[in-house]
Amino acid sequence: MRLISNFGKDASYRVLFKTLNILPLPCMYIREIVYYIKMNMGGLEQNSIRHNYNTRHRSDLQCKFCRTDILEKM
């Protein structure tokens, strides 16, 4: 990317990404996670569904854990 945009060796990637309007990889990952949650909100459960008492994490989403066949065979 530095060669294409004629940036020097000492140029910051942050400035380069802003100039080229490209999201860094961590930002793309966060965007995809937020998009997934937004599109699948009906299928996700909150902590408040699991119990009736108030906690500070009652509005957090539940993570669904799954086991693979490899772990079950061990």
N, C-alpha and C. Protein backbone atom coordinates (compact mmCIF):
# COMPACT_ATOMS: atom_id res chain seq x y z
N MET A 1 0.82 -1.19 0.00
CA MET A 1 0.00 0.00 0.00
C MET A 1 0.86 1.25 0.00
N ARG A 2 2.01 1.15 0.66
CA ARG A 2 2.89 2.32 0.67
C ARG A 2 3.44 2.61 -0.71
N LEU A 3 3.75 1.58 -1.46
CA LEU A 3 4.26 1.79 -2.82
C LEU A 3 3.21 2.40 -3.74
N ILE A 4 2.00 1.91 -3.65
CA ILE A 4 0.93 2.40 -4.51
C ILE A 4 0.62 3.87 -4.23
N SER A 5 0.64 4.25 -2.96
CA SER A 5 0.26 5.62 -2.60
C SER A 5 1.45 6.56 -2.44
N ASN A 6 2.66 6.08 -2.72
CA ASN A 6 3.88 6.89 -2.64
C ASN A 6 4.15 7.44 -1.24
N PHE A 7 3.83 6.63 -0.21
CA PHE A 7 4.17 7.02 1.16
C PHE A 7 5.57 6.53 1.47
N GLY A 8 6.25 7.23 2.34
CA GLY A 8 7.60 6.85 2.72
C GLY A 8 7.62 5.68 3.69
N LYS A 9 8.81 5.17 3.98
CA LYS A 9 8.96 4.05 4.90
C LYS A 9 8.55 4.41 6.32
N ASP A 10 8.69 5.68 6.68
CA ASP A 10 8.39 6.11 8.04
C ASP A 10 6.94 6.55 8.23
N ALA A 11 6.15 6.49 7.18
CA ALA A 11 4.76 6.95 7.26
C ALA A 11 3.94 6.01 8.14
N SER A 12 3.04 6.58 8.89
CA SER A 12 2.19 5.81 9.78
C SER A 12 1.09 5.11 8.99
N TYR A 13 0.80 3.88 9.38
CA TYR A 13 -0.29 3.16 8.72
C TYR A 13 -1.64 3.81 9.02
N ARG A 14 -1.77 4.42 10.19
CA ARG A 14 -3.02 5.10 10.54
C ARG A 14 -3.34 6.20 9.54
N VAL A 15 -2.34 7.00 9.20
CA VAL A 15 -2.54 8.07 8.22
C VAL A 15 -2.81 7.48 6.84
N LEU A 16 -2.10 6.43 6.50
CA LEU A 16 -2.29 5.77 5.21
C LEU A 16 -3.70 5.22 5.05
N PHE A 17 -4.21 4.54 6.09
CA PHE A 17 -5.56 3.99 6.04
C PHE A 17 -6.59 5.10 5.94
N LYS A 18 -6.39 6.19 6.67
CA LYS A 18 -7.34 7.31 6.60
C LYS A 18 -7.32 7.94 5.22
N THR A 19 -6.15 8.09 4.63
CA THR A 19 -6.04 8.70 3.31
C THR A 19 -6.73 7.85 2.24
N LEU A 20 -6.57 6.53 2.34
CA LEU A 20 -7.15 5.63 1.35
C LEU A 20 -8.58 5.19 1.68
N ASN A 21 -9.11 5.67 2.81
CA ASN A 21 -10.46 5.30 3.27
C ASN A 21 -10.62 3.78 3.40
N ILE A 22 -9.66 3.15 4.08
CA ILE A 22 -9.68 1.71 4.30
C ILE A 22 -9.75 1.47 5.80
N LEU A 23 -10.62 0.54 6.22
CA LEU A 23 -10.69 0.17 7.63
C LEU A 23 -9.60 -0.84 7.96
N PRO A 24 -8.93 -0.68 9.10
CA PRO A 24 -7.97 -1.70 9.53
C PRO A 24 -8.71 -3.00 9.88
N LEU A 25 -8.00 -4.09 9.93
CA LEU A 25 -8.59 -5.40 10.17
C LEU A 25 -9.39 -5.47 11.47
N PRO A 26 -8.90 -4.99 12.61
CA PRO A 26 -9.71 -5.04 13.83
C PRO A 26 -11.03 -4.28 13.70
N CYS A 27 -11.03 -3.17 13.01
CA CYS A 27 -12.26 -2.40 12.81
C CYS A 27 -13.23 -3.14 11.90
N MET A 28 -12.72 -3.84 10.89
CA MET A 28 -13.59 -4.62 10.03
C MET A 28 -14.23 -5.77 10.80
N TYR A 29 -13.47 -6.40 11.70
CA TYR A 29 -13.99 -7.48 12.52
C TYR A 29 -15.11 -6.98 13.42
N ILE A 30 -14.90 -5.87 14.09
CA ILE A 30 -15.91 -5.28 14.98
C ILE A 30 -17.15 -4.92 14.18
N ARG A 31 -16.99 -4.36 13.01
CA ARG A 31 -18.13 -3.99 12.17
C ARG A 31 -18.95 -5.22 11.80
N GLU A 32 -18.28 -6.31 11.45
CA GLU A 32 -18.98 -7.53 11.08
C GLU A 32 -19.73 -8.13 12.27
N ILE A 33 -19.14 -8.07 13.46
CA ILE A 33 -19.80 -8.59 14.66
C ILE A 33 -21.05 -7.77 14.96
N VAL A 34 -20.96 -6.46 14.89
CA VAL A 34 -22.11 -5.59 15.14
C VAL A 34 -23.19 -5.85 14.10
N TYR A 35 -22.82 -6.02 12.86
CA TYR A 35 -23.78 -6.30 11.79
C TYR A 35 -24.47 -7.64 12.04
N TYR A 36 -23.72 -8.66 12.45
CA TYR A 36 -24.30 -9.97 12.74
C TYR A 36 -25.31 -9.87 13.88
N ILE A 37 -24.96 -9.17 14.95
CA ILE A 37 -25.86 -9.03 16.09
C ILE A 37 -27.12 -8.29 15.67
N LYS A 38 -26.97 -7.24 14.88
CA LYS A 38 -28.12 -6.47 14.45
C LYS A 38 -29.07 -7.30 13.60
N MET A 39 -28.53 -8.12 12.70
CA MET A 39 -29.36 -8.91 11.80
C MET A 39 -29.98 -10.13 12.49
N ASN A 40 -29.38 -10.61 13.59
CA ASN A 40 -29.85 -11.82 14.27
C ASN A 40 -30.34 -11.55 15.68
N MET A 41 -30.80 -10.36 15.96
CA MET A 41 -31.21 -10.00 17.32
C MET A 41 -32.37 -10.86 17.81
N GLY A 42 -33.25 -11.31 16.92
CA GLY A 42 -34.37 -12.13 17.33
C GLY A 42 -33.96 -13.50 17.85
N GLY A 43 -32.85 -14.03 17.39
CA GLY A 43 -32.40 -15.35 17.80
C GLY A 43 -31.45 -15.34 18.97
N LEU A 44 -31.06 -14.18 19.45
CA LEU A 44 -30.12 -14.07 20.56
C LEU A 44 -30.88 -13.82 21.86
N GLU A 45 -30.40 -14.39 22.96
CA GLU A 45 -31.04 -14.22 24.26
C GLU A 45 -30.21 -13.31 25.14
N GLN A 46 -30.89 -12.57 25.99
CA GLN A 46 -30.22 -11.73 26.98
C GLN A 46 -30.15 -12.48 28.31
N ASN A 47 -29.28 -12.03 29.20
CA ASN A 47 -29.14 -12.65 30.51
C ASN A 47 -30.43 -12.55 31.31
N SER A 48 -31.23 -11.52 31.09
CA SER A 48 -32.45 -11.34 31.87
C SER A 48 -33.46 -12.46 31.64
N ILE A 49 -33.35 -13.20 30.55
CA ILE A 49 -34.24 -14.33 30.28
C ILE A 49 -33.87 -15.52 31.17
N ARG A 50 -32.62 -15.66 31.53
CA ARG A 50 -32.14 -16.80 32.31
C ARG A 50 -32.55 -16.75 33.78
N HIS A 51 -32.64 -15.54 34.36
CA HIS A 51 -32.97 -15.42 35.77
C HIS A 51 -33.83 -14.17 36.00
N ASN A 52 -34.48 -14.10 37.15
CA ASN A 52 -35.43 -13.02 37.44
C ASN A 52 -34.85 -11.88 38.25
N TYR A 53 -33.67 -12.02 38.80
CA TYR A 53 -33.12 -10.96 39.64
C TYR A 53 -32.29 -9.99 38.79
N ASN A 54 -32.19 -8.75 39.28
CA ASN A 54 -31.49 -7.69 38.55
C ASN A 54 -29.99 -7.77 38.82
N THR A 55 -29.23 -7.79 37.76
CA THR A 55 -27.78 -7.71 37.85
C THR A 55 -27.31 -6.65 36.86
N ARG A 56 -26.08 -6.24 36.99
CA ARG A 56 -25.58 -5.21 36.07
C ARG A 56 -25.34 -5.75 34.67
N HIS A 57 -25.32 -7.06 34.51
CA HIS A 57 -25.10 -7.68 33.20
C HIS A 57 -26.38 -8.27 32.62
N ARG A 58 -27.56 -7.85 33.12
CA ARG A 58 -28.82 -8.45 32.68
C ARG A 58 -29.12 -8.15 31.21
N SER A 59 -28.57 -7.07 30.66
CA SER A 59 -28.86 -6.75 29.25
C SER A 59 -27.79 -7.30 28.30
N ASP A 60 -26.77 -7.97 28.82
CA ASP A 60 -25.76 -8.59 27.96
C ASP A 60 -26.35 -9.78 27.22
N LEU A 61 -25.79 -10.10 26.08
CA LEU A 61 -26.26 -11.22 25.29
C LEU A 61 -25.62 -12.52 25.76
N GLN A 62 -26.39 -13.61 25.71
CA GLN A 62 -25.90 -14.92 26.07
C GLN A 62 -25.05 -15.49 24.93
N CYS A 63 -23.96 -16.09 25.28
CA CYS A 63 -23.12 -16.78 24.29
C CYS A 63 -23.53 -18.24 24.26
N LYS A 64 -23.77 -18.75 23.07
CA LYS A 64 -24.13 -20.15 22.94
C LYS A 64 -22.85 -20.95 22.71
N PHE A 65 -22.63 -21.92 23.57
CA PHE A 65 -21.47 -22.77 23.46
C PHE A 65 -21.86 -24.07 22.78
N CYS A 66 -20.97 -24.60 21.98
CA CYS A 66 -21.24 -25.89 21.34
C CYS A 66 -20.01 -26.76 21.45
N ARG A 67 -20.27 -28.03 21.39
CA ARG A 67 -19.17 -28.98 21.43
C ARG A 67 -19.02 -29.63 20.06
N THR A 68 -17.81 -29.93 19.72
CA THR A 68 -17.58 -30.60 18.45
C THR A 68 -17.48 -32.10 18.66
N ASP A 69 -17.60 -32.85 17.60
CA ASP A 69 -17.49 -34.29 17.69
C ASP A 69 -16.11 -34.72 18.18
N ILE A 70 -15.10 -33.94 17.89
CA ILE A 70 -13.74 -34.29 18.28
C ILE A 70 -13.63 -34.31 19.80
N LEU A 71 -14.21 -33.31 20.47
CA LEU A 71 -14.12 -33.25 21.93
C LEU A 71 -14.95 -34.35 22.58
N GLU A 72 -16.07 -34.70 21.99
CA GLU A 72 -16.93 -35.73 22.57
C GLU A 72 -16.31 -37.11 22.47
N LYS A 73 -15.49 -37.35 21.47
CA LYS A 73 -14.88 -38.65 21.28
C LYS A 73 -13.69 -38.87 22.20
N MET A 74 -13.16 -37.80 22.77
CA MET A 74 -11.96 -37.92 23.62
C MET A 74 -12.30 -38.43 24.99
